[in-house]
N, C-alpha and C. Protein backbone atom coordinates (compact mmCIF):
# COMPACT_ATOMS: atom_id res chain seq x y z
N MET A 1 0.82 -1.20 0.00
CA MET A 1 0.00 0.00 0.00
C MET A 1 0.86 1.26 0.00
N LYS A 2 1.97 1.21 0.72
CA LYS A 2 2.82 2.39 0.77
C LYS A 2 3.52 2.62 -0.56
N ILE A 3 3.77 1.54 -1.30
CA ILE A 3 4.39 1.69 -2.63
C ILE A 3 3.47 2.50 -3.54
N GLY A 4 2.18 2.22 -3.49
CA GLY A 4 1.21 2.97 -4.29
C GLY A 4 1.16 4.43 -3.89
N SER A 5 1.24 4.69 -2.59
CA SER A 5 1.23 6.08 -2.11
C SER A 5 2.48 6.81 -2.56
N ILE A 6 3.62 6.13 -2.48
CA ILE A 6 4.88 6.75 -2.92
C ILE A 6 4.82 7.06 -4.42
N LEU A 7 4.33 6.12 -5.21
CA LEU A 7 4.21 6.35 -6.65
C LEU A 7 3.24 7.50 -6.95
N GLY A 8 2.16 7.58 -6.19
CA GLY A 8 1.21 8.68 -6.37
C GLY A 8 1.84 10.02 -6.05
N ILE A 9 2.59 10.09 -4.96
CA ILE A 9 3.27 11.33 -4.59
C ILE A 9 4.27 11.72 -5.68
N LEU A 10 5.03 10.75 -6.17
CA LEU A 10 6.02 11.03 -7.20
C LEU A 10 5.38 11.48 -8.51
N MET A 11 4.26 10.86 -8.89
CA MET A 11 3.58 11.26 -10.12
C MET A 11 2.98 12.66 -9.99
N LEU A 12 2.42 12.97 -8.83
CA LEU A 12 1.88 14.31 -8.60
C LEU A 12 2.98 15.36 -8.62
N ALA A 13 4.11 15.05 -7.99
CA ALA A 13 5.24 15.98 -7.98
C ALA A 13 5.78 16.18 -9.40
N ALA A 14 5.85 15.11 -10.17
CA ALA A 14 6.33 15.22 -11.54
C ALA A 14 5.39 16.09 -12.38
N ALA A 15 4.09 15.93 -12.17
CA ALA A 15 3.12 16.75 -12.90
C ALA A 15 3.24 18.23 -12.51
N ILE A 16 3.45 18.49 -11.24
CA ILE A 16 3.62 19.87 -10.78
C ILE A 16 4.90 20.47 -11.37
N MET A 17 5.98 19.71 -11.33
CA MET A 17 7.24 20.21 -11.89
C MET A 17 7.13 20.45 -13.39
N TYR A 18 6.47 19.55 -14.09
CA TYR A 18 6.28 19.72 -15.54
C TYR A 18 5.48 20.98 -15.84
N GLY A 19 4.39 21.18 -15.10
CA GLY A 19 3.56 22.36 -15.32
C GLY A 19 4.31 23.65 -15.01
N GLU A 20 5.05 23.65 -13.93
CA GLU A 20 5.83 24.84 -13.57
C GLU A 20 6.95 25.08 -14.58
N TRP A 21 7.56 24.02 -15.05
CA TRP A 21 8.67 24.15 -16.00
C TRP A 21 8.18 24.77 -17.31
N LYS A 22 7.00 24.34 -17.77
CA LYS A 22 6.46 24.85 -19.02
C LYS A 22 5.96 26.29 -18.89
N SER A 23 5.44 26.66 -17.72
CA SER A 23 4.85 27.99 -17.57
C SER A 23 5.88 29.07 -17.27
N SER A 24 7.04 28.69 -16.78
CA SER A 24 8.05 29.68 -16.41
C SER A 24 9.08 29.82 -17.52
N LYS A 25 9.47 31.06 -17.78
CA LYS A 25 10.46 31.32 -18.82
C LYS A 25 11.87 31.48 -18.24
N GLU A 26 11.96 31.89 -16.96
CA GLU A 26 13.26 32.13 -16.35
C GLU A 26 13.84 30.84 -15.78
N LYS A 27 15.12 30.65 -16.02
CA LYS A 27 15.79 29.44 -15.54
C LYS A 27 15.84 29.41 -14.01
N ARG A 28 16.07 30.56 -13.39
CA ARG A 28 16.16 30.62 -11.93
C ARG A 28 14.83 30.26 -11.28
N ALA A 29 13.73 30.73 -11.84
CA ALA A 29 12.40 30.41 -11.30
C ALA A 29 12.10 28.93 -11.45
N ARG A 30 12.54 28.35 -12.56
CA ARG A 30 12.34 26.91 -12.77
C ARG A 30 13.09 26.10 -11.73
N ILE A 31 14.33 26.49 -11.46
CA ILE A 31 15.15 25.76 -10.49
C ILE A 31 14.57 25.87 -9.09
N VAL A 32 14.12 27.06 -8.73
CA VAL A 32 13.56 27.27 -7.39
C VAL A 32 12.28 26.46 -7.21
N SER A 33 11.38 26.52 -8.19
CA SER A 33 10.12 25.79 -8.05
C SER A 33 10.37 24.28 -8.05
N ALA A 34 11.30 23.81 -8.85
CA ALA A 34 11.62 22.38 -8.86
C ALA A 34 12.26 21.96 -7.53
N GLY A 35 13.10 22.80 -6.98
CA GLY A 35 13.73 22.50 -5.70
C GLY A 35 12.73 22.42 -4.56
N ILE A 36 11.83 23.40 -4.50
CA ILE A 36 10.82 23.40 -3.45
C ILE A 36 9.89 22.19 -3.60
N THR A 37 9.52 21.87 -4.83
CA THR A 37 8.67 20.70 -5.05
C THR A 37 9.39 19.42 -4.67
N ALA A 38 10.68 19.33 -4.97
CA ALA A 38 11.45 18.13 -4.61
C ALA A 38 11.56 17.97 -3.10
N VAL A 39 11.80 19.08 -2.41
CA VAL A 39 11.90 19.01 -0.94
C VAL A 39 10.58 18.58 -0.33
N THR A 40 9.48 19.16 -0.78
CA THR A 40 8.18 18.78 -0.23
C THR A 40 7.80 17.35 -0.60
N THR A 41 8.27 16.87 -1.75
CA THR A 41 8.03 15.48 -2.12
C THR A 41 8.74 14.54 -1.17
N VAL A 42 9.98 14.83 -0.86
CA VAL A 42 10.74 14.01 0.08
C VAL A 42 10.08 14.04 1.46
N ILE A 43 9.64 15.21 1.89
CA ILE A 43 8.97 15.31 3.18
C ILE A 43 7.67 14.51 3.18
N GLY A 44 6.93 14.57 2.08
CA GLY A 44 5.69 13.80 1.97
C GLY A 44 5.93 12.30 2.06
N ILE A 45 7.00 11.83 1.43
CA ILE A 45 7.33 10.40 1.50
C ILE A 45 7.77 10.02 2.90
N ILE A 46 8.55 10.88 3.53
CA ILE A 46 8.97 10.61 4.91
C ILE A 46 7.75 10.55 5.84
N LEU A 47 6.75 11.38 5.57
CA LEU A 47 5.53 11.38 6.40
C LEU A 47 4.79 10.05 6.32
N LEU A 48 4.94 9.32 5.24
CA LEU A 48 4.31 7.99 5.15
C LEU A 48 4.88 7.03 6.19
N PHE A 49 6.18 7.17 6.45
CA PHE A 49 6.85 6.25 7.36
C PHE A 49 6.97 6.81 8.78
N GLN A 50 7.02 8.13 8.92
CA GLN A 50 7.12 8.78 10.23
C GLN A 50 6.01 9.82 10.35
N PRO A 51 4.80 9.42 10.76
CA PRO A 51 3.67 10.35 10.79
C PRO A 51 3.83 11.50 11.79
N ARG A 52 4.72 11.40 12.75
CA ARG A 52 4.90 12.47 13.72
C ARG A 52 5.82 13.58 13.20
N PHE A 53 6.45 13.36 12.06
CA PHE A 53 7.31 14.35 11.44
C PHE A 53 6.46 15.55 11.03
N PRO A 54 6.96 16.80 11.14
CA PRO A 54 6.15 17.95 10.72
C PRO A 54 5.85 17.91 9.23
N GLY A 55 4.71 18.43 8.85
CA GLY A 55 4.29 18.42 7.46
C GLY A 55 5.08 19.39 6.60
N PRO A 56 4.87 19.31 5.27
CA PRO A 56 5.62 20.18 4.35
C PRO A 56 5.43 21.66 4.63
N THR A 57 4.22 22.08 4.93
CA THR A 57 4.00 23.50 5.18
C THR A 57 4.69 23.95 6.46
N GLN A 58 4.71 23.10 7.46
CA GLN A 58 5.38 23.45 8.72
C GLN A 58 6.89 23.54 8.52
N VAL A 59 7.46 22.65 7.72
CA VAL A 59 8.90 22.68 7.45
C VAL A 59 9.25 23.91 6.62
N MET A 60 8.44 24.22 5.61
CA MET A 60 8.70 25.41 4.79
C MET A 60 8.59 26.68 5.63
N LYS A 61 7.63 26.71 6.53
CA LYS A 61 7.49 27.87 7.41
C LYS A 61 8.71 27.99 8.32
N LEU A 62 9.22 26.87 8.78
CA LEU A 62 10.41 26.88 9.63
C LEU A 62 11.63 27.35 8.84
N VAL A 63 11.79 26.87 7.61
CA VAL A 63 12.95 27.22 6.79
C VAL A 63 12.87 28.67 6.32
N PHE A 64 11.73 29.06 5.75
CA PHE A 64 11.62 30.38 5.16
C PHE A 64 11.11 31.44 6.12
N GLY A 65 10.69 31.05 7.31
CA GLY A 65 10.26 32.02 8.31
C GLY A 65 11.40 32.92 8.73
N SER A 66 12.57 32.35 8.90
CA SER A 66 13.74 33.15 9.28
C SER A 66 14.18 34.05 8.13
N VAL A 67 14.05 33.58 6.90
CA VAL A 67 14.39 34.41 5.74
C VAL A 67 13.45 35.60 5.65
N ASP A 68 12.17 35.36 5.93
CA ASP A 68 11.17 36.43 5.90
C ASP A 68 11.51 37.50 6.93
N LYS A 69 11.93 37.08 8.11
CA LYS A 69 12.30 38.04 9.16
C LYS A 69 13.54 38.84 8.78
N LEU A 70 14.48 38.20 8.09
CA LEU A 70 15.69 38.91 7.66
C LEU A 70 15.41 39.94 6.58
N MET A 71 14.42 39.66 5.74
CA MET A 71 14.11 40.58 4.63
C MET A 71 13.31 41.79 5.07
N LYS A 72 12.69 41.73 6.23
CA LYS A 72 11.88 42.88 6.70
C LYS A 72 12.72 43.94 7.30
């Protein structure tokens, strides 16, 4: 059952990356969106095995929350 969930997460992430890659013209924006999608994909797969791990939005808030404070 977890194999199917992993494949579903990977297919969804690939579809998101493909859509973002086609819609963006800048190379830097493509790399950033692909990187963020890849990180959240890994976190999503980890959540299948460790449900107590913080979710993707909580991890992104933790990572980019400090960047937001520095930019203000």
